[in-house]
mmCIF file of all heavy atoms, coordinates in Angstrom:
data_MODEL
# 
_entry.id   MODEL 
# 
loop_
_atom_site.group_PDB 
_atom_site.id 
_atom_site.type_symbol 
_atom_site.label_atom_id 
_atom_site.label_alt_id 
_atom_site.label_comp_id 
_atom_site.label_asym_id 
_atom_site.label_entity_id 
_atom_site.label_seq_id 
_atom_site.pdbx_PDB_ins_code 
_atom_site.Cartn_x 
_atom_site.Cartn_y 
_atom_site.Cartn_z 
_atom_site.occupancy 
_atom_site.B_iso_or_equiv 
_atom_site.pdbx_formal_charge 
_atom_site.auth_seq_id 
_atom_site.auth_comp_id 
_atom_site.auth_asym_id 
_atom_site.auth_atom_id 
_atom_site.pdbx_PDB_model_num 
ATOM 1   N N   . THR A 1 1  ? 7.703   15.968  -4.505 1.00 0.00 ? 1  THR A N   1 
ATOM 2   C CA  . THR A 1 1  ? 7.517   16.529  -3.189 1.00 0.00 ? 1  THR A CA  1 
ATOM 3   C C   . THR A 1 1  ? 7.478   15.446  -2.128 1.00 0.00 ? 1  THR A C   1 
ATOM 4   O O   . THR A 1 1  ? 7.217   14.262  -2.407 1.00 0.00 ? 1  THR A O   1 
ATOM 5   C CB  . THR A 1 1  ? 6.255   17.371  -3.088 1.00 0.00 ? 1  THR A CB  1 
ATOM 6   O OG1 . THR A 1 1  ? 5.131   16.485  -3.248 1.00 0.00 ? 1  THR A OG1 1 
ATOM 7   C CG2 . THR A 1 1  ? 6.186   18.419  -4.193 1.00 0.00 ? 1  THR A CG2 1 
ATOM 8   N N   . GLN A 1 2  ? 7.631   15.857  -0.879 1.00 0.00 ? 2  GLN A N   1 
ATOM 9   C CA  . GLN A 1 2  ? 7.532   14.935  0.249  1.00 0.00 ? 2  GLN A CA  1 
ATOM 10  C C   . GLN A 1 2  ? 6.134   14.328  0.336  1.00 0.00 ? 2  GLN A C   1 
ATOM 11  O O   . GLN A 1 2  ? 5.968   13.142  0.593  1.00 0.00 ? 2  GLN A O   1 
ATOM 12  C CB  . GLN A 1 2  ? 7.881   15.616  1.549  1.00 0.00 ? 2  GLN A CB  1 
ATOM 13  C CG  . GLN A 1 2  ? 7.800   14.756  2.772  1.00 0.00 ? 2  GLN A CG  1 
ATOM 14  C CD  . GLN A 1 2  ? 8.136   15.528  4.063  1.00 0.00 ? 2  GLN A CD  1 
ATOM 15  O OE1 . GLN A 1 2  ? 8.800   16.544  3.981  1.00 0.00 ? 2  GLN A OE1 1 
ATOM 16  N NE2 . GLN A 1 2  ? 7.698   15.074  5.223  1.00 0.00 ? 2  GLN A NE2 1 
ATOM 17  N N   . ASP A 1 3  ? 5.093   15.104  0.066  1.00 0.00 ? 3  ASP A N   1 
ATOM 18  C CA  . ASP A 1 3  ? 3.723   14.621  0.150  1.00 0.00 ? 3  ASP A CA  1 
ATOM 19  C C   . ASP A 1 3  ? 3.527   13.538  -0.901 1.00 0.00 ? 3  ASP A C   1 
ATOM 20  O O   . ASP A 1 3  ? 2.838   12.512  -0.626 1.00 0.00 ? 3  ASP A O   1 
ATOM 21  C CB  . ASP A 1 3  ? 2.747   15.777  -0.120 1.00 0.00 ? 3  ASP A CB  1 
ATOM 22  C CG  . ASP A 1 3  ? 2.590   16.749  1.036  1.00 0.00 ? 3  ASP A CG  1 
ATOM 23  O OD1 . ASP A 1 3  ? 3.017   16.337  2.139  1.00 0.00 ? 3  ASP A OD1 1 
ATOM 24  O OD2 . ASP A 1 3  ? 2.110   17.841  0.861  1.00 0.00 ? 3  ASP A OD2 1 
ATOM 25  N N   . GLN A 1 4  ? 4.045   13.673  -2.093 1.00 0.00 ? 4  GLN A N   1 
ATOM 26  C CA  . GLN A 1 4  ? 3.915   12.660  -3.103 1.00 0.00 ? 4  GLN A CA  1 
ATOM 27  C C   . GLN A 1 4  ? 4.623   11.394  -2.742 1.00 0.00 ? 4  GLN A C   1 
ATOM 28  O O   . GLN A 1 4  ? 4.124   10.275  -2.944 1.00 0.00 ? 4  GLN A O   1 
ATOM 29  C CB  . GLN A 1 4  ? 4.426   13.167  -4.450 1.00 0.00 ? 4  GLN A CB  1 
ATOM 30  C CG  . GLN A 1 4  ? 3.600   14.247  -5.090 1.00 0.00 ? 4  GLN A CG  1 
ATOM 31  C CD  . GLN A 1 4  ? 4.235   14.862  -6.310 1.00 0.00 ? 4  GLN A CD  1 
ATOM 32  O OE1 . GLN A 1 4  ? 5.466   15.027  -6.395 1.00 0.00 ? 4  GLN A OE1 1 
ATOM 33  N NE2 . GLN A 1 4  ? 3.424   15.318  -7.243 1.00 0.00 ? 4  GLN A NE2 1 
ATOM 34  N N   . ALA A 1 5  ? 5.834   11.508  -2.163 1.00 0.00 ? 5  ALA A N   1 
ATOM 35  C CA  . ALA A 1 5  ? 6.578   10.341  -1.724 1.00 0.00 ? 5  ALA A CA  1 
ATOM 36  C C   . ALA A 1 5  ? 5.833   9.580   -0.651 1.00 0.00 ? 5  ALA A C   1 
ATOM 37  O O   . ALA A 1 5  ? 5.761   8.340   -0.637 1.00 0.00 ? 5  ALA A O   1 
ATOM 38  C CB  . ALA A 1 5  ? 7.948   10.763  -1.250 1.00 0.00 ? 5  ALA A CB  1 
ATOM 39  N N   . GLU A 1 6  ? 5.274   10.357  0.318  1.00 0.00 ? 6  GLU A N   1 
ATOM 40  C CA  . GLU A 1 6  ? 4.549   9.696   1.369  1.00 0.00 ? 6  GLU A CA  1 
ATOM 41  C C   . GLU A 1 6  ? 3.237   9.070   0.858  1.00 0.00 ? 6  GLU A C   1 
ATOM 42  O O   . GLU A 1 6  ? 2.810   8.016   1.326  1.00 0.00 ? 6  GLU A O   1 
ATOM 43  C CB  . GLU A 1 6  ? 4.224   10.723  2.452  1.00 0.00 ? 6  GLU A CB  1 
ATOM 44  C CG  . GLU A 1 6  ? 5.466   11.185  3.220  1.00 0.00 ? 6  GLU A CG  1 
ATOM 45  C CD  . GLU A 1 6  ? 5.094   12.117  4.398  1.00 0.00 ? 6  GLU A CD  1 
ATOM 46  O OE1 . GLU A 1 6  ? 3.937   12.163  4.753  1.00 0.00 ? 6  GLU A OE1 1 
ATOM 47  O OE2 . GLU A 1 6  ? 6.017   12.824  4.858  1.00 0.00 ? 6  GLU A OE2 1 
ATOM 48  N N   . LYS A 1 7  ? 2.626   9.687   -0.110 1.00 0.00 ? 7  LYS A N   1 
ATOM 49  C CA  . LYS A 1 7  ? 1.430   9.143   -0.736 1.00 0.00 ? 7  LYS A CA  1 
ATOM 50  C C   . LYS A 1 7  ? 1.701   7.773   -1.374 1.00 0.00 ? 7  LYS A C   1 
ATOM 51  O O   . LYS A 1 7  ? 0.919   6.830   -1.184 1.00 0.00 ? 7  LYS A O   1 
ATOM 52  C CB  . LYS A 1 7  ? 0.836   10.117  -1.763 1.00 0.00 ? 7  LYS A CB  1 
ATOM 53  C CG  . LYS A 1 7  ? -0.409  9.645   -2.448 1.00 0.00 ? 7  LYS A CG  1 
ATOM 54  C CD  . LYS A 1 7  ? -0.883  10.653  -3.494 1.00 0.00 ? 7  LYS A CD  1 
ATOM 55  C CE  . LYS A 1 7  ? -2.136  10.196  -4.220 1.00 0.00 ? 7  LYS A CE  1 
ATOM 56  N NZ  . LYS A 1 7  ? -2.600  11.188  -5.207 1.00 0.00 ? 7  LYS A NZ  1 
ATOM 57  N N   . PHE A 1 8  ? 2.808   7.692   -2.113 1.00 0.00 ? 8  PHE A N   1 
ATOM 58  C CA  . PHE A 1 8  ? 3.167   6.456   -2.739 1.00 0.00 ? 8  PHE A CA  1 
ATOM 59  C C   . PHE A 1 8  ? 3.422   5.382   -1.659 1.00 0.00 ? 8  PHE A C   1 
ATOM 60  O O   . PHE A 1 8  ? 2.965   4.206   -1.825 1.00 0.00 ? 8  PHE A O   1 
ATOM 61  C CB  . PHE A 1 8  ? 4.352   6.565   -3.632 1.00 0.00 ? 8  PHE A CB  1 
ATOM 62  C CG  . PHE A 1 8  ? 4.839   5.250   -4.189 1.00 0.00 ? 8  PHE A CG  1 
ATOM 63  C CD1 . PHE A 1 8  ? 4.193   4.664   -5.250 1.00 0.00 ? 8  PHE A CD1 1 
ATOM 64  C CD2 . PHE A 1 8  ? 5.893   4.570   -3.599 1.00 0.00 ? 8  PHE A CD2 1 
ATOM 65  C CE1 . PHE A 1 8  ? 4.565   3.418   -5.741 1.00 0.00 ? 8  PHE A CE1 1 
ATOM 66  C CE2 . PHE A 1 8  ? 6.250   3.320   -4.072 1.00 0.00 ? 8  PHE A CE2 1 
ATOM 67  C CZ  . PHE A 1 8  ? 5.655   2.742   -5.150 1.00 0.00 ? 8  PHE A CZ  1 
ATOM 68  N N   . HIS A 1 9  ? 4.115   5.751   -0.611 1.00 0.00 ? 9  HIS A N   1 
ATOM 69  C CA  . HIS A 1 9  ? 4.432   4.739   0.424  1.00 0.00 ? 9  HIS A CA  1 
ATOM 70  C C   . HIS A 1 9  ? 3.151   4.196   1.053  1.00 0.00 ? 9  HIS A C   1 
ATOM 71  O O   . HIS A 1 9  ? 3.030   3.025   1.319  1.00 0.00 ? 9  HIS A O   1 
ATOM 72  C CB  . HIS A 1 9  ? 5.347   5.348   1.484  1.00 0.00 ? 9  HIS A CB  1 
ATOM 73  C CG  . HIS A 1 9  ? 5.609   4.377   2.622  1.00 0.00 ? 9  HIS A CG  1 
ATOM 74  N ND1 . HIS A 1 9  ? 6.401   3.257   2.436  1.00 0.00 ? 9  HIS A ND1 1 
ATOM 75  C CD2 . HIS A 1 9  ? 5.164   4.339   3.879  1.00 0.00 ? 9  HIS A CD2 1 
ATOM 76  C CE1 . HIS A 1 9  ? 6.427   2.582   3.588  1.00 0.00 ? 9  HIS A CE1 1 
ATOM 77  N NE2 . HIS A 1 9  ? 5.706   3.202   4.470  1.00 0.00 ? 9  HIS A NE2 1 
ATOM 78  N N   . ARG A 1 10 ? 2.164   5.111   1.279  1.00 0.00 ? 10 ARG A N   1 
ATOM 79  C CA  . ARG A 1 10 ? 0.902   4.635   1.869  1.00 0.00 ? 10 ARG A CA  1 
ATOM 80  C C   . ARG A 1 10 ? 0.200   3.641   0.917  1.00 0.00 ? 10 ARG A C   1 
ATOM 81  O O   . ARG A 1 10 ? -0.334  2.631   1.359  1.00 0.00 ? 10 ARG A O   1 
ATOM 82  C CB  . ARG A 1 10 ? -0.017  5.850   2.168  1.00 0.00 ? 10 ARG A CB  1 
ATOM 83  C CG  . ARG A 1 10 ? 0.410   6.674   3.316  1.00 0.00 ? 10 ARG A CG  1 
ATOM 84  C CD  . ARG A 1 10 ? -0.698  7.639   3.768  1.00 0.00 ? 10 ARG A CD  1 
ATOM 85  N NE  . ARG A 1 10 ? -1.060  8.552   2.720  1.00 0.00 ? 10 ARG A NE  1 
ATOM 86  C CZ  . ARG A 1 10 ? -0.497  9.746   2.512  1.00 0.00 ? 10 ARG A CZ  1 
ATOM 87  N NH1 . ARG A 1 10 ? 0.485   10.136  3.357  1.00 0.00 ? 10 ARG A NH1 1 
ATOM 88  N NH2 . ARG A 1 10 ? -0.870  10.546  1.524  1.00 0.00 ? 10 ARG A NH2 1 
ATOM 89  N N   . ARG A 1 11 ? 0.239   3.971   -0.336 1.00 0.00 ? 11 ARG A N   1 
ATOM 90  C CA  . ARG A 1 11 ? -0.410  3.073   -1.309 1.00 0.00 ? 11 ARG A CA  1 
ATOM 91  C C   . ARG A 1 11 ? 0.290   1.729   -1.400 1.00 0.00 ? 11 ARG A C   1 
ATOM 92  O O   . ARG A 1 11 ? -0.344  0.663   -1.419 1.00 0.00 ? 11 ARG A O   1 
ATOM 93  C CB  . ARG A 1 11 ? -0.372  3.687   -2.718 1.00 0.00 ? 11 ARG A CB  1 
ATOM 94  C CG  . ARG A 1 11 ? -1.408  4.835   -2.916 1.00 0.00 ? 11 ARG A CG  1 
ATOM 95  C CD  . ARG A 1 11 ? -1.495  5.144   -4.380 1.00 0.00 ? 11 ARG A CD  1 
ATOM 96  N NE  . ARG A 1 11 ? -2.430  6.238   -4.621 1.00 0.00 ? 11 ARG A NE  1 
ATOM 97  C CZ  . ARG A 1 11 ? -2.739  6.724   -5.820 1.00 0.00 ? 11 ARG A CZ  1 
ATOM 98  N NH1 . ARG A 1 11 ? -2.136  6.234   -6.899 1.00 0.00 ? 11 ARG A NH1 1 
ATOM 99  N NH2 . ARG A 1 11 ? -3.611  7.713   -5.966 1.00 0.00 ? 11 ARG A NH2 1 
ATOM 100 N N   . LEU A 1 12 ? 1.611   1.758   -1.295 1.00 0.00 ? 12 LEU A N   1 
ATOM 101 C CA  . LEU A 1 12 ? 2.406   0.484   -1.312 1.00 0.00 ? 12 LEU A CA  1 
ATOM 102 C C   . LEU A 1 12 ? 2.049   -0.325  -0.081 1.00 0.00 ? 12 LEU A C   1 
ATOM 103 O O   . LEU A 1 12 ? 1.813   -1.558  -0.145 1.00 0.00 ? 12 LEU A O   1 
ATOM 104 C CB  . LEU A 1 12 ? 3.865   0.744   -1.393 1.00 0.00 ? 12 LEU A CB  1 
ATOM 105 C CG  . LEU A 1 12 ? 4.835   -0.397  -1.216 1.00 0.00 ? 12 LEU A CG  1 
ATOM 106 C CD1 . LEU A 1 12 ? 4.666   -1.389  -2.406 1.00 0.00 ? 12 LEU A CD1 1 
ATOM 107 C CD2 . LEU A 1 12 ? 6.255   0.064   -1.145 1.00 0.00 ? 12 LEU A CD2 1 
ATOM 108 N N   . HIS A 1 13 ? 2.076   0.343   1.088  1.00 0.00 ? 13 HIS A N   1 
ATOM 109 C CA  . HIS A 1 13 ? 1.799   -0.377  2.333  1.00 0.00 ? 13 HIS A CA  1 
ATOM 110 C C   . HIS A 1 13 ? 0.399   -0.940  2.361  1.00 0.00 ? 13 HIS A C   1 
ATOM 111 O O   . HIS A 1 13 ? 0.178   -2.074  2.806  1.00 0.00 ? 13 HIS A O   1 
ATOM 112 C CB  . HIS A 1 13 ? 2.033   0.611   3.488  1.00 0.00 ? 13 HIS A CB  1 
ATOM 113 C CG  . HIS A 1 13 ? 2.096   -0.064  4.836  1.00 0.00 ? 13 HIS A CG  1 
ATOM 114 N ND1 . HIS A 1 13 ? 1.043   0.027   5.759  1.00 0.00 ? 13 HIS A ND1 1 
ATOM 115 C CD2 . HIS A 1 13 ? 3.041   -0.843  5.399  1.00 0.00 ? 13 HIS A CD2 1 
ATOM 116 C CE1 . HIS A 1 13 ? 1.377   -0.649  6.842  1.00 0.00 ? 13 HIS A CE1 1 
ATOM 117 N NE2 . HIS A 1 13 ? 2.592   -1.182  6.654  1.00 0.00 ? 13 HIS A NE2 1 
ATOM 118 N N   . ASN A 1 14 ? -0.584  -0.162  1.891  1.00 0.00 ? 14 ASN A N   1 
ATOM 119 C CA  . ASN A 1 14 ? -1.960  -0.654  1.833  1.00 0.00 ? 14 ASN A CA  1 
ATOM 120 C C   . ASN A 1 14 ? -2.124  -1.825  0.872  1.00 0.00 ? 14 ASN A C   1 
ATOM 121 O O   . ASN A 1 14 ? -2.881  -2.793  1.152  1.00 0.00 ? 14 ASN A O   1 
ATOM 122 C CB  . ASN A 1 14 ? -2.921  0.467   1.446  1.00 0.00 ? 14 ASN A CB  1 
ATOM 123 C CG  . ASN A 1 14 ? -3.041  1.518   2.508  1.00 0.00 ? 14 ASN A CG  1 
ATOM 124 O OD1 . ASN A 1 14 ? -2.793  1.255   3.700  1.00 0.00 ? 14 ASN A OD1 1 
ATOM 125 N ND2 . ASN A 1 14 ? -3.494  2.702   2.136  1.00 0.00 ? 14 ASN A ND2 1 
ATOM 126 N N   . ALA A 1 15 ? -1.399  -1.803  -0.243 1.00 0.00 ? 15 ALA A N   1 
ATOM 127 C CA  . ALA A 1 15 ? -1.450  -2.889  -1.197 1.00 0.00 ? 15 ALA A CA  1 
ATOM 128 C C   . ALA A 1 15 ? -0.909  -4.177  -0.545 1.00 0.00 ? 15 ALA A C   1 
ATOM 129 O O   . ALA A 1 15 ? -1.486  -5.297  -0.751 1.00 0.00 ? 15 ALA A O   1 
ATOM 130 C CB  . ALA A 1 15 ? -0.684  -2.552  -2.441 1.00 0.00 ? 15 ALA A CB  1 
ATOM 131 N N   . LEU A 1 16 ? 0.150   -4.067  0.219  1.00 0.00 ? 16 LEU A N   1 
ATOM 132 C CA  . LEU A 1 16 ? 0.682   -5.236  0.917  1.00 0.00 ? 16 LEU A CA  1 
ATOM 133 C C   . LEU A 1 16 ? -0.283  -5.757  1.959  1.00 0.00 ? 16 LEU A C   1 
ATOM 134 O O   . LEU A 1 16 ? -0.460  -7.011  2.132  1.00 0.00 ? 16 LEU A O   1 
ATOM 135 C CB  . LEU A 1 16 ? 2.035   -4.897  1.557  1.00 0.00 ? 16 LEU A CB  1 
ATOM 136 C CG  . LEU A 1 16 ? 3.199   -4.643  0.569  1.00 0.00 ? 16 LEU A CG  1 
ATOM 137 C CD1 . LEU A 1 16 ? 4.360   -3.991  1.316  1.00 0.00 ? 16 LEU A CD1 1 
ATOM 138 C CD2 . LEU A 1 16 ? 3.625   -5.927  -0.077 1.00 0.00 ? 16 LEU A CD2 1 
ATOM 139 N N   . LEU A 1 17 ? -0.924  -4.874  2.702  1.00 0.00 ? 17 LEU A N   1 
ATOM 140 C CA  . LEU A 1 17 ? -1.888  -5.293  3.732  1.00 0.00 ? 17 LEU A CA  1 
ATOM 141 C C   . LEU A 1 17 ? -3.095  -6.014  3.078  1.00 0.00 ? 17 LEU A C   1 
ATOM 142 O O   . LEU A 1 17 ? -3.581  -6.999  3.616  1.00 0.00 ? 17 LEU A O   1 
ATOM 143 C CB  . LEU A 1 17 ? -2.362  -4.057  4.535  1.00 0.00 ? 17 LEU A CB  1 
ATOM 144 C CG  . LEU A 1 17 ? -1.346  -3.433  5.480  1.00 0.00 ? 17 LEU A CG  1 
ATOM 145 C CD1 . LEU A 1 17 ? -1.979  -2.211  6.151  1.00 0.00 ? 17 LEU A CD1 1 
ATOM 146 C CD2 . LEU A 1 17 ? -0.849  -4.455  6.530  1.00 0.00 ? 17 LEU A CD2 1 
ATOM 147 N N   . ARG A 1 18 ? -3.571  -5.481  1.964  1.00 0.00 ? 18 ARG A N   1 
ATOM 148 C CA  . ARG A 1 18 ? -4.698  -6.145  1.282  1.00 0.00 ? 18 ARG A CA  1 
ATOM 149 C C   . ARG A 1 18 ? -4.333  -7.518  0.798  1.00 0.00 ? 18 ARG A C   1 
ATOM 150 O O   . ARG A 1 18 ? -5.093  -8.474  0.933  1.00 0.00 ? 18 ARG A O   1 
ATOM 151 C CB  . ARG A 1 18 ? -5.155  -5.293  0.095  1.00 0.00 ? 18 ARG A CB  1 
ATOM 152 C CG  . ARG A 1 18 ? -6.026  -4.098  0.472  1.00 0.00 ? 18 ARG A CG  1 
ATOM 153 C CD  . ARG A 1 18 ? -6.739  -3.521  -0.760 1.00 0.00 ? 18 ARG A CD  1 
ATOM 154 N NE  . ARG A 1 18 ? -5.739  -2.951  -1.725 1.00 0.00 ? 18 ARG A NE  1 
ATOM 155 C CZ  . ARG A 1 18 ? -5.358  -1.706  -1.680 1.00 0.00 ? 18 ARG A CZ  1 
ATOM 156 N NH1 . ARG A 1 18 ? -5.803  -0.912  -0.780 1.00 0.00 ? 18 ARG A NH1 1 
ATOM 157 N NH2 . ARG A 1 18 ? -4.476  -1.281  -2.569 1.00 0.00 ? 18 ARG A NH2 1 
ATOM 158 N N   . ALA A 1 19 ? -3.141  -7.668  0.275  1.00 0.00 ? 19 ALA A N   1 
ATOM 159 C CA  . ALA A 1 19 ? -2.675  -8.935  -0.204 1.00 0.00 ? 19 ALA A CA  1 
ATOM 160 C C   . ALA A 1 19 ? -2.519  -9.945  0.922  1.00 0.00 ? 19 ALA A C   1 
ATOM 161 O O   . ALA A 1 19 ? -2.813  -11.133 0.748  1.00 0.00 ? 19 ALA A O   1 
ATOM 162 C CB  . ALA A 1 19 ? -1.350  -8.774  -0.987 1.00 0.00 ? 19 ALA A CB  1 
ATOM 163 N N   . GLN A 1 20 ? -2.133  -9.459  2.085  1.00 0.00 ? 20 GLN A N   1 
ATOM 164 C CA  . GLN A 1 20 ? -1.955  -10.296 3.248  1.00 0.00 ? 20 GLN A CA  1 
ATOM 165 C C   . GLN A 1 20 ? -3.277  -10.860 3.735  1.00 0.00 ? 20 GLN A C   1 
ATOM 166 O O   . GLN A 1 20 ? -3.373  -12.025 4.176  1.00 0.00 ? 20 GLN A O   1 
ATOM 167 C CB  . GLN A 1 20 ? -1.288  -9.496  4.364  1.00 0.00 ? 20 GLN A CB  1 
ATOM 168 C CG  . GLN A 1 20 ? -1.298  -10.166 5.768  1.00 0.00 ? 20 GLN A CG  1 
ATOM 169 C CD  . GLN A 1 20 ? -0.411  -11.429 5.813  1.00 0.00 ? 20 GLN A CD  1 
ATOM 170 O OE1 . GLN A 1 20 ? 0.461   -11.653 4.947  1.00 0.00 ? 20 GLN A OE1 1 
ATOM 171 N NE2 . GLN A 1 20 ? -0.614  -12.185 6.860  1.00 0.00 ? 20 GLN A NE2 1 
ATOM 172 N N   . THR A 1 21 ? -4.355  -10.055 3.712  1.00 0.00 ? 21 THR A N   1 
ATOM 173 C CA  . THR A 1 21 ? -5.636  -10.475 4.287  1.00 0.00 ? 21 THR A CA  1 
ATOM 174 C C   . THR A 1 21 ? -6.657  -11.074 3.311  1.00 0.00 ? 21 THR A C   1 
ATOM 175 O O   . THR A 1 21 ? -7.621  -11.661 3.767  1.00 0.00 ? 21 THR A O   1 
ATOM 176 C CB  . THR A 1 21 ? -6.274  -9.259  4.987  1.00 0.00 ? 21 THR A CB  1 
ATOM 177 O OG1 . THR A 1 21 ? -6.424  -8.210  4.032  1.00 0.00 ? 21 THR A OG1 1 
ATOM 178 C CG2 . THR A 1 21 ? -5.395  -8.766  6.157  1.00 0.00 ? 21 THR A CG2 1 
ATOM 179 N N   . GLN A 1 22 ? -6.407  -10.920 1.991  1.00 0.00 ? 22 GLN A N   1 
ATOM 180 C CA  . GLN A 1 22 ? -7.397  -11.414 1.041  1.00 0.00 ? 22 GLN A CA  1 
ATOM 181 C C   . GLN A 1 22 ? -7.332  -12.952 0.969  1.00 0.00 ? 22 GLN A C   1 
ATOM 182 O O   . GLN A 1 22 ? -6.303  -13.591 1.220  1.00 0.00 ? 22 GLN A O   1 
ATOM 183 C CB  . GLN A 1 22 ? -7.174  -10.806 -0.338 1.00 0.00 ? 22 GLN A CB  1 
ATOM 184 C CG  . GLN A 1 22 ? -5.910  -11.256 -1.028 1.00 0.00 ? 22 GLN A CG  1 
ATOM 185 C CD  . GLN A 1 22 ? -5.603  -10.464 -2.266 1.00 0.00 ? 22 GLN A CD  1 
ATOM 186 O OE1 . GLN A 1 22 ? -5.963  -9.288  -2.391 1.00 0.00 ? 22 GLN A OE1 1 
ATOM 187 N NE2 . GLN A 1 22 ? -4.990  -11.088 -3.244 1.00 0.00 ? 22 GLN A NE2 1 
ATOM 188 N N   . SER A 1 23 ? -8.467  -13.542 0.639  1.00 0.00 ? 23 SER A N   1 
ATOM 189 C CA  . SER A 1 23 ? -8.505  -15.016 0.577  1.00 0.00 ? 23 SER A CA  1 
ATOM 190 C C   . SER A 1 23 ? -8.043  -15.538 -0.780 1.00 0.00 ? 23 SER A C   1 
ATOM 191 O O   . SER A 1 23 ? -7.534  -16.656 -0.840 1.00 0.00 ? 23 SER A O   1 
ATOM 192 C CB  . SER A 1 23 ? -9.969  -15.482 0.807  1.00 0.00 ? 23 SER A CB  1 
ATOM 193 O OG  . SER A 1 23 ? -10.863 -14.876 -0.123 1.00 0.00 ? 23 SER A OG  1 
ATOM 194 N N   . GLU A 1 24 ? -8.216  -14.734 -1.835 1.00 0.00 ? 24 GLU A N   1 
ATOM 195 C CA  . GLU A 1 24 ? -7.783  -15.221 -3.156 1.00 0.00 ? 24 GLU A CA  1 
ATOM 196 C C   . GLU A 1 24 ? -6.288  -14.915 -3.366 1.00 0.00 ? 24 GLU A C   1 
ATOM 197 O O   . GLU A 1 24 ? -5.696  -14.062 -2.693 1.00 0.00 ? 24 GLU A O   1 
ATOM 198 C CB  . GLU A 1 24 ? -8.634  -14.571 -4.268 1.00 0.00 ? 24 GLU A CB  1 
ATOM 199 C CG  . GLU A 1 24 ? -8.473  -13.034 -4.361 1.00 0.00 ? 24 GLU A CG  1 
ATOM 200 C CD  . GLU A 1 24 ? -9.400  -12.254 -3.469 1.00 0.00 ? 24 GLU A CD  1 
ATOM 201 O OE1 . GLU A 1 24 ? -9.972  -12.908 -2.549 1.00 0.00 ? 24 GLU A OE1 1 
ATOM 202 O OE2 . GLU A 1 24 ? -9.505  -10.983 -3.650 1.00 0.00 ? 24 GLU A OE2 1 
ATOM 203 N N   . PRO A 1 25 ? -5.681  -15.573 -4.365 1.00 0.00 ? 25 PRO A N   1 
ATOM 204 C CA  . PRO A 1 25 ? -4.273  -15.358 -4.642 1.00 0.00 ? 25 PRO A CA  1 
ATOM 205 C C   . PRO A 1 25 ? -3.997  -13.953 -5.123 1.00 0.00 ? 25 PRO A C   1 
ATOM 206 O O   . PRO A 1 25 ? -4.943  -13.222 -5.601 1.00 0.00 ? 25 PRO A O   1 
ATOM 207 C CB  . PRO A 1 25 ? -3.959  -16.355 -5.789 1.00 0.00 ? 25 PRO A CB  1 
ATOM 208 C CG  . PRO A 1 25 ? -5.063  -17.417 -5.696 1.00 0.00 ? 25 PRO A CG  1 
ATOM 209 C CD  . PRO A 1 25 ? -6.269  -16.663 -5.178 1.00 0.00 ? 25 PRO A CD  1 
# 
């Protein structure tokens, strides 16, 4: 469904943002 596709995209985007701001590798 569209909701599932959008849910995955949010998780992917949030994972990239966390990786950008975290101090550890």
